Amino acid sequence: MNYKCKYCGWVGFRKDFEIDHVIPIARSIIQNILQPALDLICSGCNRQKGKMTGAEYGLWRLLNPYKANSGPMT
């Protein structure tokens, strides 16, 4: 089964994807314990997203198209 990254659109196998906290744990531990919001995104976007929220990372990608990730880390 193929998966698609919600940020870069890369399509691949499950092994290339990671579970991402929509609100990073570093920013809201309590919210992630009480009501975690999770996404499946490619490992490259997950590394690049870091401590940004999903909305912040989406905006960063729009403003930095040449720096934005486009697939998993190898």
N, C-alpha and C. Protein backbone atom coordinates (compact mmCIF):
# COMPACT_ATOMS: atom_id res chain seq x y z
N MET A 1 0.84 -1.19 0.00
CA MET A 1 0.00 0.00 0.00
C MET A 1 0.89 1.24 0.00
N ASN A 2 0.57 2.21 -0.81
CA ASN A 2 1.33 3.45 -0.88
C ASN A 2 0.69 4.52 0.01
N TYR A 3 1.54 5.37 0.54
CA TYR A 3 1.12 6.48 1.38
C TYR A 3 1.55 7.77 0.71
N LYS A 4 0.89 8.89 1.06
CA LYS A 4 1.22 10.18 0.48
C LYS A 4 1.44 11.19 1.59
N CYS A 5 2.56 11.91 1.52
CA CYS A 5 2.87 12.93 2.52
C CYS A 5 1.95 14.13 2.33
N LYS A 6 1.35 14.60 3.40
CA LYS A 6 0.40 15.72 3.29
C LYS A 6 1.09 17.05 2.99
N TYR A 7 2.40 17.14 3.22
CA TYR A 7 3.10 18.40 2.97
C TYR A 7 3.77 18.45 1.60
N CYS A 8 4.57 17.45 1.25
CA CYS A 8 5.31 17.52 -0.01
C CYS A 8 4.67 16.71 -1.13
N GLY A 9 3.70 15.85 -0.78
CA GLY A 9 3.02 15.06 -1.80
C GLY A 9 3.77 13.81 -2.24
N TRP A 10 4.90 13.52 -1.61
CA TRP A 10 5.70 12.36 -1.99
C TRP A 10 4.91 11.09 -1.70
N VAL A 11 4.94 10.13 -2.61
CA VAL A 11 4.23 8.87 -2.45
C VAL A 11 5.24 7.75 -2.29
N GLY A 12 5.03 6.90 -1.28
CA GLY A 12 5.95 5.80 -1.05
C GLY A 12 5.38 4.77 -0.10
N PHE A 13 6.26 3.92 0.39
CA PHE A 13 5.87 2.84 1.29
C PHE A 13 5.91 3.30 2.75
N ARG A 14 5.23 2.58 3.60
CA ARG A 14 5.10 2.92 5.02
C ARG A 14 6.46 3.13 5.69
N LYS A 15 7.46 2.40 5.31
CA LYS A 15 8.78 2.49 5.94
C LYS A 15 9.42 3.88 5.79
N ASP A 16 8.98 4.65 4.81
CA ASP A 16 9.53 5.98 4.57
C ASP A 16 8.75 7.09 5.27
N PHE A 17 7.74 6.71 6.05
CA PHE A 17 6.89 7.68 6.71
C PHE A 17 7.02 7.59 8.22
N GLU A 18 6.69 8.68 8.90
CA GLU A 18 6.76 8.74 10.36
C GLU A 18 5.48 9.36 10.89
N ILE A 19 5.17 9.04 12.14
CA ILE A 19 4.02 9.65 12.80
C ILE A 19 4.45 11.01 13.33
N ASP A 20 3.68 12.02 13.01
CA ASP A 20 3.99 13.40 13.38
C ASP A 20 2.90 13.95 14.29
N HIS A 21 3.33 14.65 15.34
CA HIS A 21 2.38 15.37 16.19
C HIS A 21 2.06 16.70 15.52
N VAL A 22 0.80 16.96 15.25
CA VAL A 22 0.39 18.20 14.59
C VAL A 22 0.86 19.39 15.44
N ILE A 23 0.67 19.30 16.75
CA ILE A 23 1.24 20.29 17.67
C ILE A 23 2.43 19.59 18.32
N PRO A 24 3.65 20.05 18.06
CA PRO A 24 4.84 19.37 18.56
C PRO A 24 4.83 19.18 20.08
N ILE A 25 5.34 18.05 20.53
CA ILE A 25 5.40 17.75 21.96
C ILE A 25 6.14 18.85 22.70
N ALA A 26 7.18 19.39 22.11
CA ALA A 26 7.97 20.44 22.75
C ALA A 26 7.14 21.70 23.01
N ARG A 27 6.04 21.87 22.30
CA ARG A 27 5.23 23.07 22.45
C ARG A 27 4.01 22.86 23.34
N SER A 28 3.54 21.63 23.49
CA SER A 28 2.34 21.40 24.30
C SER A 28 2.26 19.94 24.74
N ILE A 29 2.96 19.61 25.80
CA ILE A 29 2.98 18.24 26.30
C ILE A 29 1.60 17.82 26.77
N ILE A 30 0.92 18.67 27.52
CA ILE A 30 -0.38 18.32 28.09
C ILE A 30 -1.41 18.07 26.99
N GLN A 31 -1.48 18.93 26.00
CA GLN A 31 -2.45 18.74 24.92
C GLN A 31 -2.18 17.45 24.17
N ASN A 32 -0.91 17.10 23.96
CA ASN A 32 -0.58 15.87 23.25
C ASN A 32 -0.91 14.63 24.07
N ILE A 33 -0.92 14.74 25.39
CA ILE A 33 -1.30 13.61 26.23
C ILE A 33 -2.82 13.46 26.24
N LEU A 34 -3.53 14.57 26.41
CA LEU A 34 -4.98 14.53 26.53
C LEU A 34 -5.69 14.28 25.20
N GLN A 35 -5.21 14.90 24.15
CA GLN A 35 -5.88 14.78 22.85
C GLN A 35 -4.85 14.89 21.73
N PRO A 36 -4.08 13.83 21.51
CA PRO A 36 -3.06 13.90 20.47
C PRO A 36 -3.66 13.97 19.07
N ALA A 37 -3.12 14.85 18.26
CA ALA A 37 -3.50 14.94 16.85
C ALA A 37 -2.28 14.48 16.06
N LEU A 38 -2.43 13.40 15.32
CA LEU A 38 -1.30 12.79 14.63
C LEU A 38 -1.53 12.75 13.13
N ASP A 39 -0.43 12.84 12.40
CA ASP A 39 -0.43 12.71 10.94
C ASP A 39 0.66 11.74 10.54
N LEU A 40 0.55 11.18 9.36
CA LEU A 40 1.60 10.34 8.80
C LEU A 40 2.25 11.15 7.69
N ILE A 41 3.51 11.55 7.89
CA ILE A 41 4.22 12.35 6.88
C ILE A 41 5.57 11.71 6.60
N CYS A 42 6.17 12.07 5.47
CA CYS A 42 7.47 11.48 5.12
C CYS A 42 8.53 11.92 6.13
N SER A 43 9.55 11.12 6.26
CA SER A 43 10.59 11.39 7.26
C SER A 43 11.30 12.71 6.99
N GLY A 44 11.46 13.08 5.72
CA GLY A 44 12.12 14.34 5.39
C GLY A 44 11.34 15.54 5.89
N CYS A 45 10.04 15.55 5.66
CA CYS A 45 9.20 16.66 6.14
C CYS A 45 9.15 16.67 7.67
N ASN A 46 9.10 15.48 8.28
CA ASN A 46 9.05 15.42 9.74
C ASN A 46 10.31 16.03 10.35
N ARG A 47 11.47 15.76 9.77
CA ARG A 47 12.73 16.33 10.27
C ARG A 47 12.75 17.84 10.05
N GLN A 48 12.32 18.27 8.89
CA GLN A 48 12.35 19.68 8.56
C GLN A 48 11.32 20.46 9.38
N LYS A 49 10.19 19.87 9.66
CA LYS A 49 9.13 20.53 10.42
C LYS A 49 9.57 20.84 11.84
N GLY A 50 10.29 19.91 12.45
CA GLY A 50 10.83 20.14 13.80
C GLY A 50 9.79 20.58 14.80
N LYS A 51 9.98 21.75 15.40
CA LYS A 51 9.08 22.25 16.44
C LYS A 51 7.96 23.14 15.91
N MET A 52 7.82 23.21 14.59
CA MET A 52 6.73 24.01 14.01
C MET A 52 5.42 23.23 14.07
N THR A 53 4.31 23.96 14.15
CA THR A 53 3.01 23.31 14.02
C THR A 53 2.79 23.00 12.53
N GLY A 54 1.76 22.24 12.24
CA GLY A 54 1.47 21.93 10.85
C GLY A 54 1.21 23.17 10.02
N ALA A 55 0.46 24.12 10.59
CA ALA A 55 0.16 25.37 9.87
C ALA A 55 1.43 26.19 9.63
N GLU A 56 2.28 26.27 10.64
CA GLU A 56 3.54 27.02 10.50
C GLU A 56 4.43 26.40 9.44
N TYR A 57 4.51 25.07 9.43
CA TYR A 57 5.35 24.40 8.45
C TYR A 57 4.79 24.57 7.03
N GLY A 58 3.47 24.50 6.89
CA GLY A 58 2.86 24.72 5.58
C GLY A 58 3.18 26.11 5.05
N LEU A 59 3.10 27.12 5.91
CA LEU A 59 3.43 28.49 5.52
C LEU A 59 4.91 28.61 5.19
N TRP A 60 5.77 28.00 6.00
CA TRP A 60 7.21 28.04 5.75
C TRP A 60 7.52 27.45 4.37
N ARG A 61 6.84 26.34 4.02
CA ARG A 61 7.06 25.72 2.71
C ARG A 61 6.67 26.66 1.57
N LEU A 62 5.57 27.39 1.75
CA LEU A 62 5.15 28.34 0.71
C LEU A 62 6.15 29.48 0.54
N LEU A 63 6.72 29.93 1.64
CA LEU A 63 7.66 31.05 1.60
C LEU A 63 9.08 30.65 1.24
N ASN A 64 9.39 29.35 1.33
CA ASN A 64 10.75 28.85 1.06
C ASN A 64 10.71 27.65 0.11
N PRO A 65 10.20 27.82 -1.09
CA PRO A 65 10.02 26.67 -1.98
C PRO A 65 11.32 25.96 -2.36
N TYR A 66 12.44 26.66 -2.40
CA TYR A 66 13.69 26.01 -2.79
C TYR A 66 14.37 25.29 -1.64
N LYS A 67 13.94 25.56 -0.42
CA LYS A 67 14.49 24.89 0.75
C LYS A 67 13.59 23.77 1.21
N ALA A 68 12.35 23.76 0.75
CA ALA A 68 11.35 22.79 1.22
C ALA A 68 11.71 21.36 0.80
N ASN A 69 11.49 20.45 1.70
CA ASN A 69 11.76 19.04 1.48
C ASN A 69 10.84 18.46 0.41
N SER A 70 11.31 17.39 -0.25
CA SER A 70 10.47 16.72 -1.25
C SER A 70 10.69 15.22 -1.23
N GLY A 71 10.55 14.61 -0.06
CA GLY A 71 10.68 13.17 0.05
C GLY A 71 11.39 12.76 1.31
N PRO A 72 11.49 11.45 1.54
CA PRO A 72 12.07 10.95 2.79
C PRO A 72 13.58 11.14 2.88
N MET A 73 14.05 11.13 4.12
CA MET A 73 15.49 11.16 4.37
C MET A 73 16.02 9.76 4.11
N THR A 74 17.15 9.67 3.48
CA THR A 74 17.73 8.34 3.22
C THR A 74 19.00 8.13 3.98
